[in-house]
Amino acid sequence: MQTAAMFCAACGVKIEGNFSETFFDRLAPEDQKFLEQYLLAGFSIKTLEQNGSLGYAAIRTRLDRLIANYEALKKMDAQKKAVLEQLRNGEISVTEAKQKLEKLSGE
């Protein structure tokens, strides 16, 4: 799937087109911010610890959670692609595909 529209809830502007989206874009904002801080710390927990207010254990826990969230996004994407492949091959109906995709998305 590809992002085809973007919407700003603050001003109501909607833009349509083809947009690239990575798994990083789909992480929660706090995970994105933490990942940026980790990157700017040279991927060093020690440096991140020195520059911030979190200790090693808290940083490690956040990293583990971030990794788990990223892996979950990748897994869900693979499952969605598998459903669409089943639909394309005629193995399931559109209704079945919709139900499976909604279930994966938690709707």
C-alpha atoms as a PDB file:
ATOM      1  CA  MET A   1       0.000   0.000   0.000  1.00  0.00           C
ATOM      2  CA  GLN A   2       1.079   3.535  -0.638  1.00  0.00           C
ATOM      3  CA  THR A   3       0.092   6.798   1.011  1.00  0.00           C
ATOM      4  CA  ALA A   4      -2.054   8.802  -1.407  1.00  0.00           C
ATOM      5  CA  ALA A   5      -3.183  11.751   0.722  1.00  0.00           C
ATOM      6  CA  MET A   6      -2.013  13.785   3.673  1.00  0.00           C
ATOM      7  CA  PHE A   7      -4.235  15.904   5.903  1.00  0.00           C
ATOM      8  CA  CYS A   8      -3.426  18.595   8.475  1.00  0.00           C
ATOM      9  CA  ALA A   9      -5.924  18.450  11.319  1.00  0.00           C
ATOM     10  CA  ALA A  10      -4.831  21.899  12.530  1.00  0.00           C
ATOM     11  CA  CYS A  11      -5.520  23.874   9.336  1.00  0.00           C
ATOM     12  CA  GLY A  12      -7.695  21.475   7.314  1.00  0.00           C
ATOM     13  CA  VAL A  13      -5.400  21.360   4.282  1.00  0.00           C
ATOM     14  CA  LYS A  14      -5.448  18.085   2.341  1.00  0.00           C
ATOM     15  CA  ILE A  15      -2.775  17.170  -0.196  1.00  0.00           C
ATOM     16  CA  GLU A  16      -3.116  14.256  -2.587  1.00  0.00           C
ATOM     17  CA  GLY A  17      -0.288  12.567  -4.467  1.00  0.00           C
ATOM     18  CA  ASN A  18       2.193   9.732  -4.149  1.00  0.00           C
ATOM     19  CA  PHE A  19       4.092   9.871  -0.874  1.00  0.00           C
ATOM     20  CA  SER A  20       6.855   7.613   0.335  1.00  0.00           C
ATOM     21  CA  GLU A  21       6.395   6.277   3.826  1.00  0.00           C
ATOM     22  CA  THR A  22       8.789   4.172   5.849  1.00  0.00           C
ATOM     23  CA  PHE A  23       8.205   2.122   8.965  1.00  0.00           C
ATOM     24  CA  PHE A  24       9.995   4.912  10.844  1.00  0.00           C
ATOM     25  CA  ASP A  25       7.289   7.359   9.728  1.00  0.00           C
ATOM     26  CA  ARG A  26       4.674   5.068  11.234  1.00  0.00           C
ATOM     27  CA  LEU A  27       6.295   4.920  14.668  1.00  0.00           C
ATOM     28  CA  ALA A  28       4.657   6.918  17.446  1.00  0.00           C
ATOM     29  CA  PRO A  29       5.990  10.497  17.715  1.00  0.00           C
ATOM     30  CA  GLU A  30       7.694   9.767  21.051  1.00  0.00           C
ATOM     31  CA  ASP A  31       9.472   6.767  19.492  1.00  0.00           C
ATOM     32  CA  GLN A  32      10.591   8.907  16.549  1.00  0.00           C
ATOM     33  CA  LYS A  33      11.955  11.557  18.918  1.00  0.00           C
ATOM     34  CA  PHE A  34      13.782   8.963  21.027  1.00  0.00           C
ATOM     35  CA  LEU A  35      15.253   7.370  17.892  1.00  0.00           C
ATOM     36  CA  GLU A  36      16.480  10.772  16.732  1.00  0.00           C
ATOM     37  CA  GLN A  37      18.109  11.413  20.118  1.00  0.00           C
ATOM     38  CA  TYR A  38      19.754   7.994  19.984  1.00  0.00           C
ATOM     39  CA  LEU A  39      21.014   8.668  16.458  1.00  0.00           C
ATOM     40  CA  LEU A  40      22.416  12.064  17.436  1.00  0.00           C
ATOM     41  CA  ALA A  41      24.135  10.417  20.415  1.00  0.00           C
ATOM     42  CA  GLY A  42      26.018   8.242  17.931  1.00  0.00           C
ATOM     43  CA  PHE A  43      23.921   5.198  18.850  1.00  0.00           C
ATOM     44  CA  SER A  44      25.634   5.269  22.234  1.00  0.00           C
ATOM     45  CA  ILE A  45      23.530   4.519  25.289  1.00  0.00           C
ATOM     46  CA  LYS A  46      26.284   5.993  27.452  1.00  0.00           C
ATOM     47  CA  THR A  47      26.243   9.305  25.561  1.00  0.00           C
ATOM     48  CA  LEU A  48      22.446   9.384  25.613  1.00  0.00           C
ATOM     49  CA  GLU A  49      22.545   8.760  29.351  1.00  0.00           C
ATOM     50  CA  GLN A  50      25.043  11.606  29.874  1.00  0.00           C
ATOM     51  CA  ASN A  51      23.018  14.042  27.740  1.00  0.00           C
ATOM     52  CA  GLY A  52      19.622  13.270  29.216  1.00  0.00           C
ATOM     53  CA  SER A  53      17.750  12.542  32.373  1.00  0.00           C
ATOM     54  CA  LEU A  54      17.305   8.802  31.821  1.00  0.00           C
ATOM     55  CA  GLY A  55      19.509   6.087  33.256  1.00  0.00           C
ATOM     56  CA  TYR A  56      20.882   3.091  31.406  1.00  0.00           C
ATOM     57  CA  ALA A  57      18.018   0.746  32.372  1.00  0.00           C
ATOM     58  CA  ALA A  58      15.338   3.222  31.237  1.00  0.00           C
ATOM     59  CA  ILE A  59      17.129   3.846  27.937  1.00  0.00           C
ATOM     60  CA  ARG A  60      17.555   0.118  27.329  1.00  0.00           C
ATOM     61  CA  THR A  61      13.863  -0.448  28.062  1.00  0.00           C
ATOM     62  CA  ARG A  62      12.845   2.296  25.615  1.00  0.00           C
ATOM     63  CA  LEU A  63      15.164   0.868  22.964  1.00  0.00           C
ATOM     64  CA  ASP A  64      13.693  -2.599  23.442  1.00  0.00           C
ATOM     65  CA  ARG A  65      10.159  -1.168  23.150  1.00  0.00           C
ATOM     66  CA  LEU A  66      11.114   0.809  20.031  1.00  0.00           C
ATOM     67  CA  ILE A  67      12.591  -2.314  18.422  1.00  0.00           C
ATOM     68  CA  ALA A  68       9.474  -4.317  19.285  1.00  0.00           C
ATOM     69  CA  ASN A  69       7.200  -1.619  17.823  1.00  0.00           C
ATOM     70  CA  TYR A  70       9.255  -1.485  14.625  1.00  0.00           C
ATOM     71  CA  GLU A  71       9.204  -5.268  14.278  1.00  0.00           C
ATOM     72  CA  ALA A  72       5.423  -5.291  14.849  1.00  0.00           C
ATOM     73  CA  LEU A  73       4.953  -2.755  12.040  1.00  0.00           C
ATOM     74  CA  LYS A  74       7.058  -4.872   9.681  1.00  0.00           C
ATOM     75  CA  LYS A  75       5.134  -8.021  10.617  1.00  0.00           C
ATOM     76  CA  MET A  76       1.756  -6.332  10.109  1.00  0.00           C
ATOM     77  CA  ASP A  77       2.876  -4.993   6.735  1.00  0.00           C
ATOM     78  CA  ALA A  78       3.978  -8.475   5.637  1.00  0.00           C
ATOM     79  CA  GLN A  79       0.650  -9.932   6.761  1.00  0.00           C
ATOM     80  CA  LYS A  80      -1.269  -7.248   4.835  1.00  0.00           C
ATOM     81  CA  LYS A  81       0.789  -7.964   1.718  1.00  0.00           C
ATOM     82  CA  ALA A  82       0.046 -11.676   2.101  1.00  0.00           C
ATOM     83  CA  VAL A  83      -3.704 -10.952   2.262  1.00  0.00           C
ATOM     84  CA  LEU A  84      -3.507  -8.774  -0.857  1.00  0.00           C
ATOM     85  CA  GLU A  85      -1.532 -11.504  -2.619  1.00  0.00           C
ATOM     86  CA  GLN A  86      -4.239 -14.042  -1.723  1.00  0.00           C
ATOM     87  CA  LEU A  87      -6.839 -11.664  -3.129  1.00  0.00           C
ATOM     88  CA  ARG A  88      -4.844 -11.126  -6.324  1.00  0.00           C
ATOM     89  CA  ASN A  89      -4.467 -14.894  -6.799  1.00  0.00           C
ATOM     90  CA  GLY A  90      -8.195 -15.405  -6.334  1.00  0.00           C
ATOM     91  CA  GLU A  91      -7.703 -17.453  -3.166  1.00  0.00           C
ATOM     92  CA  ILE A  92     -10.033 -15.203  -1.135  1.00  0.00           C
ATOM     93  CA  SER A  93     -12.886 -12.833  -1.948  1.00  0.00           C
ATOM     94  CA  VAL A  94     -12.832  -9.051  -1.611  1.00  0.00           C
ATOM     95  CA  THR A  95     -15.066  -9.345   1.455  1.00  0.00           C
ATOM     96  CA  GLU A  96     -12.685 -11.837   3.086  1.00  0.00           C
ATOM     97  CA  ALA A  97      -9.699  -9.640   2.259  1.00  0.00           C
ATOM     98  CA  LYS A  98     -11.427  -6.600   3.737  1.00  0.00           C
ATOM     99  CA  GLN A  99     -12.262  -8.498   6.927  1.00  0.00           C
ATOM    100  CA  LYS A 100      -8.693  -9.767   7.281  1.00  0.00           C
ATOM    101  CA  LEU A 101      -7.206  -6.328   6.662  1.00  0.00           C
ATOM    102  CA  GLU A 102      -9.573  -4.709   9.160  1.00  0.00           C
ATOM    103  CA  LYS A 103      -8.663  -7.350  11.743  1.00  0.00           C
ATOM    104  CA  LEU A 104      -4.940  -6.693  11.179  1.00  0.00           C
ATOM    105  CA  SER A 105      -5.487  -2.940  11.534  1.00  0.00           C
ATOM    106  CA  GLY A 106      -7.491  -3.402  14.703  1.00  0.00           C
ATOM    107  CA  GLU A 107     -10.619  -1.784  13.279  1.00  0.00           C
END
